[in-house]
Amino acid sequence: MIGDNPESDIAGANKAGWTSILVRSGVFDPNAATSKDGNDAENPATHVVANMKEAVDLILRLENQKKSS
């Protein structure tokens, strides 16, 4: 699950047992996050990225696939 809202997107993914990717854009406020890596303290994501491109690149790496140019 990819999302920018820790309270809904990430919490829902975590509750379902899915891998969660928090995108630091949109709803997410990196200044309000309390953990060291900018992740949300109450609903931490499995991974944290800066934008959707980084999220897609991460998924491709995690799935061991080559990126297409």
C-alpha atoms as a PDB file:
ATOM      1  CA  MET A   1       0.000   0.000   0.000  1.00  0.00           C
ATOM      2  CA  ILE A   2       1.282   3.428  -0.934  1.00  0.00           C
ATOM      3  CA  GLY A   3      -0.140   6.444   0.829  1.00  0.00           C
ATOM      4  CA  ASP A   4       0.489   9.883   2.271  1.00  0.00           C
ATOM      5  CA  ASN A   5      -1.905   9.669   5.221  1.00  0.00           C
ATOM      6  CA  PRO A   6      -0.541   7.681   8.170  1.00  0.00           C
ATOM      7  CA  GLU A   7      -3.894   7.665   9.999  1.00  0.00           C
ATOM      8  CA  SER A   8      -5.806   6.025   7.151  1.00  0.00           C
ATOM      9  CA  ASP A   9      -3.537   4.701   4.380  1.00  0.00           C
ATOM     10  CA  ILE A  10      -0.693   3.369   6.502  1.00  0.00           C
ATOM     11  CA  ALA A  11      -2.816   2.303   9.481  1.00  0.00           C
ATOM     12  CA  GLY A  12      -5.096   0.337   7.145  1.00  0.00           C
ATOM     13  CA  ALA A  13      -2.192  -1.347   5.394  1.00  0.00           C
ATOM     14  CA  ASN A  14      -0.548  -2.228   8.701  1.00  0.00           C
ATOM     15  CA  LYS A  15      -3.827  -3.619  10.071  1.00  0.00           C
ATOM     16  CA  ALA A  16      -4.186  -5.809   6.957  1.00  0.00           C
ATOM     17  CA  GLY A  17      -0.605  -7.055   7.347  1.00  0.00           C
ATOM     18  CA  TRP A  18       0.523  -5.457   4.092  1.00  0.00           C
ATOM     19  CA  THR A  19       3.805  -3.743   3.303  1.00  0.00           C
ATOM     20  CA  SER A  20       3.227  -0.008   3.645  1.00  0.00           C
ATOM     21  CA  ILE A  21       5.024   2.859   1.919  1.00  0.00           C
ATOM     22  CA  LEU A  22       4.596   6.358   3.317  1.00  0.00           C
ATOM     23  CA  VAL A  23       5.088   9.112   0.740  1.00  0.00           C
ATOM     24  CA  ARG A  24       6.299  12.376   2.305  1.00  0.00           C
ATOM     25  CA  SER A  25       3.963  14.557   0.272  1.00  0.00           C
ATOM     26  CA  GLY A  26       0.306  15.517   0.163  1.00  0.00           C
ATOM     27  CA  VAL A  27      -1.333  15.008   3.570  1.00  0.00           C
ATOM     28  CA  PHE A  28       1.813  13.825   5.350  1.00  0.00           C
ATOM     29  CA  ASP A  29       3.553  16.519   7.397  1.00  0.00           C
ATOM     30  CA  PRO A  30       7.200  15.569   7.988  1.00  0.00           C
ATOM     31  CA  ASN A  31       7.452  18.236  10.690  1.00  0.00           C
ATOM     32  CA  ALA A  32       4.736  16.523  12.741  1.00  0.00           C
ATOM     33  CA  ALA A  33       6.387  13.093  12.562  1.00  0.00           C
ATOM     34  CA  THR A  34       8.192  12.133  15.740  1.00  0.00           C
ATOM     35  CA  SER A  35      10.438   9.234  14.769  1.00  0.00           C
ATOM     36  CA  LYS A  36      14.027   9.662  13.747  1.00  0.00           C
ATOM     37  CA  ASP A  37      13.569   8.772  10.067  1.00  0.00           C
ATOM     38  CA  GLY A  38      10.528  10.981   9.453  1.00  0.00           C
ATOM     39  CA  ASN A  39       8.112   8.087   9.755  1.00  0.00           C
ATOM     40  CA  ASP A  40       4.871   8.501  11.691  1.00  0.00           C
ATOM     41  CA  ALA A  41       5.191   7.484  15.344  1.00  0.00           C
ATOM     42  CA  GLU A  42       1.655   6.124  15.822  1.00  0.00           C
ATOM     43  CA  ASN A  43       1.280   4.412  12.430  1.00  0.00           C
ATOM     44  CA  PRO A  44       4.783   3.711  11.164  1.00  0.00           C
ATOM     45  CA  ALA A  45       5.132   2.576   7.571  1.00  0.00           C
ATOM     46  CA  THR A  46       7.365  -0.283   6.504  1.00  0.00           C
ATOM     47  CA  HIS A  47       9.172   2.130   4.159  1.00  0.00           C
ATOM     48  CA  VAL A  48       9.286   5.914   3.784  1.00  0.00           C
ATOM     49  CA  VAL A  49      10.003   7.745   0.511  1.00  0.00           C
ATOM     50  CA  ALA A  50       9.962  11.355  -0.676  1.00  0.00           C
ATOM     51  CA  ASN A  51       7.612  11.007  -3.654  1.00  0.00           C
ATOM     52  CA  MET A  52       5.701   8.600  -5.899  1.00  0.00           C
ATOM     53  CA  LYS A  53       8.668   8.031  -8.226  1.00  0.00           C
ATOM     54  CA  GLU A  54      10.711   6.828  -5.254  1.00  0.00           C
ATOM     55  CA  ALA A  55       7.807   4.595  -4.208  1.00  0.00           C
ATOM     56  CA  VAL A  56       7.688   2.950  -7.647  1.00  0.00           C
ATOM     57  CA  ASP A  57      11.477   2.567  -7.719  1.00  0.00           C
ATOM     58  CA  LEU A  58      11.344   0.959  -4.262  1.00  0.00           C
ATOM     59  CA  ILE A  59       8.639  -1.479  -5.323  1.00  0.00           C
ATOM     60  CA  LEU A  60      10.655  -2.482  -8.389  1.00  0.00           C
ATOM     61  CA  ARG A  61      13.735  -3.044  -6.216  1.00  0.00           C
ATOM     62  CA  LEU A  62      11.734  -5.012  -3.652  1.00  0.00           C
ATOM     63  CA  GLU A  63      10.242  -7.178  -6.386  1.00  0.00           C
ATOM     64  CA  ASN A  64      13.734  -7.624  -7.890  1.00  0.00           C
ATOM     65  CA  GLN A  65      12.695  -6.237 -11.262  1.00  0.00           C
ATOM     66  CA  LYS A  66      14.604  -3.989 -13.589  1.00  0.00           C
ATOM     67  CA  LYS A  67      13.416  -0.426 -14.068  1.00  0.00           C
ATOM     68  CA  SER A  68      12.427   0.442 -17.605  1.00  0.00           C
ATOM     69  CA  SER A  69      13.787   3.679 -18.971  1.00  0.00           C
END
